[in-house]
Amino acid sequence: MYENGDIPTIIFLIGLLYSPIAFVHMVIIYRVSKSIKECVPFIIQLIVIYVYSMIIVYIHTTFKG
């Protein structure tokens, strides 16, 4: 079984894997639709992923050391 500290790491890795996919998806939708409004959900998802990743990295570095 996973330890408590492993779950955020797994979510972080999923986020890292997902962000390039979301970015490419956003670019394709922008090219097809030619409007930024269609891309807003993807931009929000990317921002949330990066903010969450930063928080997890900060927590790991603060409490491990």
PDB file of N, CA and C in Angstrom:
ATOM      1  N   MET A   1       0.842  -1.204   0.000  1.00  0.00           N
ATOM      2  CA  MET A   1       0.000   0.000   0.000  1.00  0.00           C
ATOM      3  C   MET A   1       0.882   1.261   0.000  1.00  0.00           C
ATOM      4  N   TYR A   2       0.264   2.362  -0.399  1.00  0.00           N
ATOM      5  CA  TYR A   2       1.001   3.622  -0.459  1.00  0.00           C
ATOM      6  C   TYR A   2       1.058   4.268   0.913  1.00  0.00           C
ATOM      7  N   GLU A   3       2.160   4.961   1.167  1.00  0.00           N
ATOM      8  CA  GLU A   3       2.228   5.776   2.373  1.00  0.00           C
ATOM      9  C   GLU A   3       1.463   7.069   2.119  1.00  0.00           C
ATOM     10  N   ASN A   4       1.231   7.808   3.198  1.00  0.00           N
ATOM     11  CA  ASN A   4       0.464   9.043   3.084  1.00  0.00           C
ATOM     12  C   ASN A   4       1.129  10.054   2.163  1.00  0.00           C
ATOM     13  N   GLY A   5       2.464  10.132   2.212  1.00  0.00           N
ATOM     14  CA  GLY A   5       3.192  11.116   1.412  1.00  0.00           C
ATOM     15  C   GLY A   5       3.249  10.787  -0.063  1.00  0.00           C
ATOM     16  N   ASP A   6       2.910   9.545  -0.431  1.00  0.00           N
ATOM     17  CA  ASP A   6       3.009   9.141  -1.836  1.00  0.00           C
ATOM     18  C   ASP A   6       1.845   9.641  -2.677  1.00  0.00           C
ATOM     19  N   ILE A   7       0.685   9.835  -2.045  1.00  0.00           N
ATOM     20  CA  ILE A   7      -0.514  10.215  -2.806  1.00  0.00           C
ATOM     21  C   ILE A   7      -0.334  11.578  -3.485  1.00  0.00           C
ATOM     22  N   PRO A   8       0.139  12.625  -2.764  1.00  0.00           N
ATOM     23  CA  PRO A   8       0.383  13.904  -3.451  1.00  0.00           C
ATOM     24  C   PRO A   8       1.397  13.778  -4.578  1.00  0.00           C
ATOM     25  N   THR A   9       2.408  12.931  -4.385  1.00  0.00           N
ATOM     26  CA  THR A   9       3.425  12.737  -5.421  1.00  0.00           C
ATOM     27  C   THR A   9       2.806  12.137  -6.671  1.00  0.00           C
ATOM     28  N   ILE A  10       1.915  11.161  -6.480  1.00  0.00           N
ATOM     29  CA  ILE A  10       1.242  10.521  -7.619  1.00  0.00           C
ATOM     30  C   ILE A  10       0.367  11.541  -8.346  1.00  0.00           C
ATOM     31  N   ILE A  11      -0.386  12.343  -7.575  1.00  0.00           N
ATOM     32  CA  ILE A  11      -1.238  13.371  -8.190  1.00  0.00           C
ATOM     33  C   ILE A  11      -0.374  14.371  -8.955  1.00  0.00           C
ATOM     34  N   PHE A  12       0.782  14.723  -8.359  1.00  0.00           N
ATOM     35  CA  PHE A  12       1.714  15.652  -8.988  1.00  0.00           C
ATOM     36  C   PHE A  12       2.219  15.099 -10.319  1.00  0.00           C
ATOM     37  N   LEU A  13       2.565  13.807 -10.342  1.00  0.00           N
ATOM     38  CA  LEU A  13       3.051  13.180 -11.575  1.00  0.00           C
ATOM     39  C   LEU A  13       1.957  13.127 -12.633  1.00  0.00           C
ATOM     40  N   ILE A  14       0.723  12.816 -12.202  1.00  0.00           N
ATOM     41  CA  ILE A  14      -0.403  12.806 -13.144  1.00  0.00           C
ATOM     42  C   ILE A  14      -0.577  14.207 -13.729  1.00  0.00           C
ATOM     43  N   GLY A  15      -0.456  15.225 -12.869  1.00  0.00           N
ATOM     44  CA  GLY A  15      -0.550  16.610 -13.323  1.00  0.00           C
ATOM     45  C   GLY A  15       0.516  16.958 -14.342  1.00  0.00           C
ATOM     46  N   LEU A  16       1.745  16.512 -14.077  1.00  0.00           N
ATOM     47  CA  LEU A  16       2.849  16.773 -15.008  1.00  0.00           C
ATOM     48  C   LEU A  16       2.616  16.089 -16.351  1.00  0.00           C
ATOM     49  N   LEU A  17       2.073  14.875 -16.303  1.00  0.00           N
ATOM     50  CA  LEU A  17       1.796  14.154 -17.545  1.00  0.00           C
ATOM     51  C   LEU A  17       0.636  14.800 -18.296  1.00  0.00           C
ATOM     52  N   TYR A  18      -0.332  15.322 -17.537  1.00  0.00           N
ATOM     53  CA  TYR A  18      -1.543  15.843 -18.155  1.00  0.00           C
ATOM     54  C   TYR A  18      -1.333  17.227 -18.760  1.00  0.00           C
ATOM     55  N   SER A  19      -0.478  18.051 -18.150  1.00  0.00           N
ATOM     56  CA  SER A  19      -0.358  19.433 -18.610  1.00  0.00           C
ATOM     57  C   SER A  19       0.089  19.581 -20.061  1.00  0.00           C
ATOM     58  N   PRO A  20       1.074  18.806 -20.572  1.00  0.00           N
ATOM     59  CA  PRO A  20       1.393  18.938 -22.003  1.00  0.00           C
ATOM     60  C   PRO A  20       0.229  18.535 -22.900  1.00  0.00           C
ATOM     61  N   ILE A  21      -0.523  17.493 -22.485  1.00  0.00           N
ATOM     62  CA  ILE A  21      -1.677  17.036 -23.264  1.00  0.00           C
ATOM     63  C   ILE A  21      -2.726  18.144 -23.319  1.00  0.00           C
ATOM     64  N   ALA A  22      -3.010  18.756 -22.167  1.00  0.00           N
ATOM     65  CA  ALA A  22      -3.988  19.842 -22.106  1.00  0.00           C
ATOM     66  C   ALA A  22      -3.522  21.031 -22.946  1.00  0.00           C
ATOM     67  N   PHE A  23      -2.214  21.304 -22.912  1.00  0.00           N
ATOM     68  CA  PHE A  23      -1.670  22.431 -23.665  1.00  0.00           C
ATOM     69  C   PHE A  23      -1.827  22.210 -25.164  1.00  0.00           C
ATOM     70  N   VAL A  24      -1.482  21.011 -25.626  1.00  0.00           N
ATOM     71  CA  VAL A  24      -1.611  20.678 -27.051  1.00  0.00           C
ATOM     72  C   VAL A  24      -3.073  20.746 -27.474  1.00  0.00           C
ATOM     73  N   HIS A  25      -3.952  20.202 -26.635  1.00  0.00           N
ATOM     74  CA  HIS A  25      -5.393  20.232 -26.892  1.00  0.00           C
ATOM     75  C   HIS A  25      -5.873  21.676 -27.038  1.00  0.00           C
ATOM     76  N   MET A  26      -5.400  22.546 -26.130  1.00  0.00           N
ATOM     77  CA  MET A  26      -5.767  23.953 -26.151  1.00  0.00           C
ATOM     78  C   MET A  26      -5.315  24.609 -27.455  1.00  0.00           C
ATOM     79  N   VAL A  27      -4.080  24.316 -27.875  1.00  0.00           N
ATOM     80  CA  VAL A  27      -3.543  24.901 -29.111  1.00  0.00           C
ATOM     81  C   VAL A  27      -4.362  24.452 -30.317  1.00  0.00           C
ATOM     82  N   ILE A  28      -4.704  23.162 -30.355  1.00  0.00           N
ATOM     83  CA  ILE A  28      -5.507  22.638 -31.472  1.00  0.00           C
ATOM     84  C   ILE A  28      -6.869  23.326 -31.512  1.00  0.00           C
ATOM     85  N   ILE A  29      -7.519  23.442 -30.344  1.00  0.00           N
ATOM     86  CA  ILE A  29      -8.835  24.083 -30.298  1.00  0.00           C
ATOM     87  C   ILE A  29      -8.729  25.543 -30.727  1.00  0.00           C
ATOM     88  N   TYR A  30      -7.646  26.219 -30.305  1.00  0.00           N
ATOM     89  CA  TYR A  30      -7.455  27.617 -30.693  1.00  0.00           C
ATOM     90  C   TYR A  30      -7.280  27.744 -32.204  1.00  0.00           C
ATOM     91  N   ARG A  31      -6.510  26.833 -32.798  1.00  0.00           N
ATOM     92  CA  ARG A  31      -6.291  26.861 -34.247  1.00  0.00           C
ATOM     93  C   ARG A  31      -7.599  26.633 -34.997  1.00  0.00           C
ATOM     94  N   VAL A  32      -8.428  25.721 -34.478  1.00  0.00           N
ATOM     95  CA  VAL A  32      -9.672  25.371 -35.171  1.00  0.00           C
ATOM     96  C   VAL A  32     -10.719  26.463 -34.990  1.00  0.00           C
ATOM     97  N   SER A  33     -10.903  26.926 -33.755  1.00  0.00           N
ATOM     98  CA  SER A  33     -12.012  27.840 -33.474  1.00  0.00           C
ATOM     99  C   SER A  33     -11.629  29.309 -33.623  1.00  0.00           C
ATOM    100  N   LYS A  34     -10.331  29.627 -33.581  1.00  0.00           N
ATOM    101  CA  LYS A  34      -9.819  30.997 -33.700  1.00  0.00           C
ATOM    102  C   LYS A  34     -10.358  31.922 -32.605  1.00  0.00           C
ATOM    103  N   SER A  35     -10.756  31.361 -31.466  1.00  0.00           N
ATOM    104  CA  SER A  35     -11.211  32.238 -30.384  1.00  0.00           C
ATOM    105  C   SER A  35     -10.613  31.796 -29.058  1.00  0.00           C
ATOM    106  N   ILE A  36     -10.216  32.793 -28.271  1.00  0.00           N
ATOM    107  CA  ILE A  36      -9.604  32.525 -26.970  1.00  0.00           C
ATOM    108  C   ILE A  36     -10.641  31.973 -25.996  1.00  0.00           C
ATOM    109  N   LYS A  37     -11.907  32.387 -26.143  1.00  0.00           N
ATOM    110  CA  LYS A  37     -12.951  31.960 -25.203  1.00  0.00           C
ATOM    111  C   LYS A  37     -13.057  30.446 -25.112  1.00  0.00           C
ATOM    112  N   GLU A  38     -12.855  29.761 -26.241  1.00  0.00           N
ATOM    113  CA  GLU A  38     -12.929  28.297 -26.252  1.00  0.00           C
ATOM    114  C   GLU A  38     -11.791  27.681 -25.442  1.00  0.00           C
ATOM    115  N   CYS A  39     -10.698  28.422 -25.274  1.00  0.00           N
ATOM    116  CA  CYS A  39      -9.498  27.885 -24.619  1.00  0.00           C
ATOM    117  C   CYS A  39      -9.474  28.130 -23.118  1.00  0.00           C
ATOM    118  N   VAL A  40     -10.376  28.992 -22.639  1.00  0.00           N
ATOM    119  CA  VAL A  40     -10.346  29.379 -21.226  1.00  0.00           C
ATOM    120  C   VAL A  40     -10.375  28.189 -20.265  1.00  0.00           C
ATOM    121  N   PRO A  41     -11.248  27.178 -20.469  1.00  0.00           N
ATOM    122  CA  PRO A  41     -11.234  26.036 -19.535  1.00  0.00           C
ATOM    123  C   PRO A  41      -9.876  25.343 -19.464  1.00  0.00           C
ATOM    124  N   PHE A  42      -9.186  25.230 -20.601  1.00  0.00           N
ATOM    125  CA  PHE A  42      -7.880  24.575 -20.624  1.00  0.00           C
ATOM    126  C   PHE A  42      -6.836  25.428 -19.910  1.00  0.00           C
ATOM    127  N   ILE A  43      -6.911  26.753 -20.109  1.00  0.00           N
ATOM    128  CA  ILE A  43      -5.981  27.658 -19.435  1.00  0.00           C
ATOM    129  C   ILE A  43      -6.168  27.547 -17.923  1.00  0.00           C
ATOM    130  N   ILE A  44      -7.433  27.517 -17.479  1.00  0.00           N
ATOM    131  CA  ILE A  44      -7.728  27.389 -16.051  1.00  0.00           C
ATOM    132  C   ILE A  44      -7.180  26.071 -15.513  1.00  0.00           C
ATOM    133  N   GLN A  45      -7.381  24.979 -16.259  1.00  0.00           N
ATOM    134  CA  GLN A  45      -6.869  23.673 -15.832  1.00  0.00           C
ATOM    135  C   GLN A  45      -5.352  23.706 -15.693  1.00  0.00           C
ATOM    136  N   LEU A  46      -4.665  24.298 -16.673  1.00  0.00           N
ATOM    137  CA  LEU A  46      -3.203  24.367 -16.618  1.00  0.00           C
ATOM    138  C   LEU A  46      -2.738  25.171 -15.403  1.00  0.00           C
ATOM    139  N   ILE A  47      -3.404  26.316 -15.153  1.00  0.00           N
ATOM    140  CA  ILE A  47      -3.034  27.150 -14.009  1.00  0.00           C
ATOM    141  C   ILE A  47      -3.231  26.375 -12.710  1.00  0.00           C
ATOM    142  N   VAL A  48      -4.380  25.687 -12.590  1.00  0.00           N
ATOM    143  CA  VAL A  48      -4.666  24.906 -11.381  1.00  0.00           C
ATOM    144  C   VAL A  48      -3.614  23.823 -11.181  1.00  0.00           C
ATOM    145  N   ILE A  49      -3.249  23.117 -12.267  1.00  0.00           N
ATOM    146  CA  ILE A  49      -2.240  22.058 -12.175  1.00  0.00           C
ATOM    147  C   ILE A  49      -0.909  22.630 -11.693  1.00  0.00           C
ATOM    148  N   TYR A  50      -0.479  23.757 -12.271  1.00  0.00           N
ATOM    149  CA  TYR A  50       0.813  24.320 -11.892  1.00  0.00           C
ATOM    150  C   TYR A  50       0.806  24.840 -10.461  1.00  0.00           C
ATOM    151  N   VAL A  51      -0.282  25.504 -10.057  1.00  0.00           N
ATOM    152  CA  VAL A  51      -0.374  26.013  -8.684  1.00  0.00           C
ATOM    153  C   VAL A  51      -0.344  24.848  -7.700  1.00  0.00           C
ATOM    154  N   TYR A  52      -1.121  23.804  -7.991  1.00  0.00           N
ATOM    155  CA  TYR A  52      -1.167  22.617  -7.130  1.00  0.00           C
ATOM    156  C   TYR A  52       0.211  21.966  -7.039  1.00  0.00           C
ATOM    157  N   SER A  53       0.900  21.882  -8.178  1.00  0.00           N
ATOM    158  CA  SER A  53       2.244  21.290  -8.189  1.00  0.00           C
ATOM    159  C   SER A  53       3.198  22.093  -7.318  1.00  0.00           C
ATOM    160  N   MET A  54       3.136  23.423  -7.435  1.00  0.00           N
ATOM    161  CA  MET A  54       4.018  24.277  -6.641  1.00  0.00           C
ATOM    162  C   MET A  54       3.746  24.097  -5.153  1.00  0.00           C
ATOM    163  N   ILE A  55       2.461  24.019  -4.778  1.00  0.00           N
ATOM    164  CA  ILE A  55       2.091  23.836  -3.371  1.00  0.00           C
ATOM    165  C   ILE A  55       2.659  22.517  -2.855  1.00  0.00           C
ATOM    166  N   ILE A  56       2.515  21.447  -3.643  1.00  0.00           N
ATOM    167  CA  ILE A  56       3.005  20.127  -3.229  1.00  0.00           C
ATOM    168  C   ILE A  56       4.524  20.139  -3.089  1.00  0.00           C
ATOM    169  N   VAL A  57       5.214  20.737  -4.054  1.00  0.00           N
ATOM    170  CA  VAL A  57       6.678  20.820  -3.981  1.00  0.00           C
ATOM    171  C   VAL A  57       7.089  21.603  -2.737  1.00  0.00           C
ATOM    172  N   TYR A  58       6.400  22.710  -2.475  1.00  0.00           N
ATOM    173  CA  TYR A  58       6.703  23.534  -1.299  1.00  0.00           C
ATOM    174  C   TYR A  58       6.501  22.742  -0.011  1.00  0.00           C
ATOM    175  N   ILE A  59       5.369  22.030   0.093  1.00  0.00           N
ATOM    176  CA  ILE A  59       5.070  21.233   1.287  1.00  0.00           C
ATOM    177  C   ILE A  59       6.127  20.147   1.468  1.00  0.00           C
ATOM    178  N   HIS A  60       6.482  19.465   0.380  1.00  0.00           N
ATOM    179  CA  HIS A  60       7.484  18.400   0.462  1.00  0.00           C
ATOM    180  C   HIS A  60       8.825  18.944   0.936  1.00  0.00           C
ATOM    181  N   THR A  61       9.276  20.062   0.359  1.00  0.00           N
ATOM    182  CA  THR A  61      10.586  20.601   0.728  1.00  0.00           C
ATOM    183  C   THR A  61      10.561  21.173   2.142  1.00  0.00           C
ATOM    184  N   THR A  62       9.424  21.713   2.572  1.00  0.00           N
ATOM    185  CA  THR A  62       9.349  22.320   3.904  1.00  0.00           C
ATOM    186  C   THR A  62       9.332  21.264   5.001  1.00  0.00           C
ATOM    187  N   PHE A  63       8.500  20.242   4.839  1.00  0.00           N
ATOM    188  CA  PHE A  63       8.292  19.301   5.937  1.00  0.00           C
ATOM    189  C   PHE A  63       9.232  18.097   5.913  1.00  0.00           C
ATOM    190  N   LYS A  64       9.832  17.807   4.763  1.00  0.00           N
ATOM    191  CA  LYS A  64      10.800  16.698   4.719  1.00  0.00           C
ATOM    192  C   LYS A  64      12.125  17.125   5.346  1.00  0.00           C
ATOM    193  N   GLY A  65      12.527  18.380   5.088  1.00  0.00           N
ATOM    194  CA  GLY A  65      13.820  18.854   5.568  1.00  0.00           C
ATOM    195  C   GLY A  65      13.685  19.407   6.951  1.00  0.00           C
TER     196      GLY A  65
END
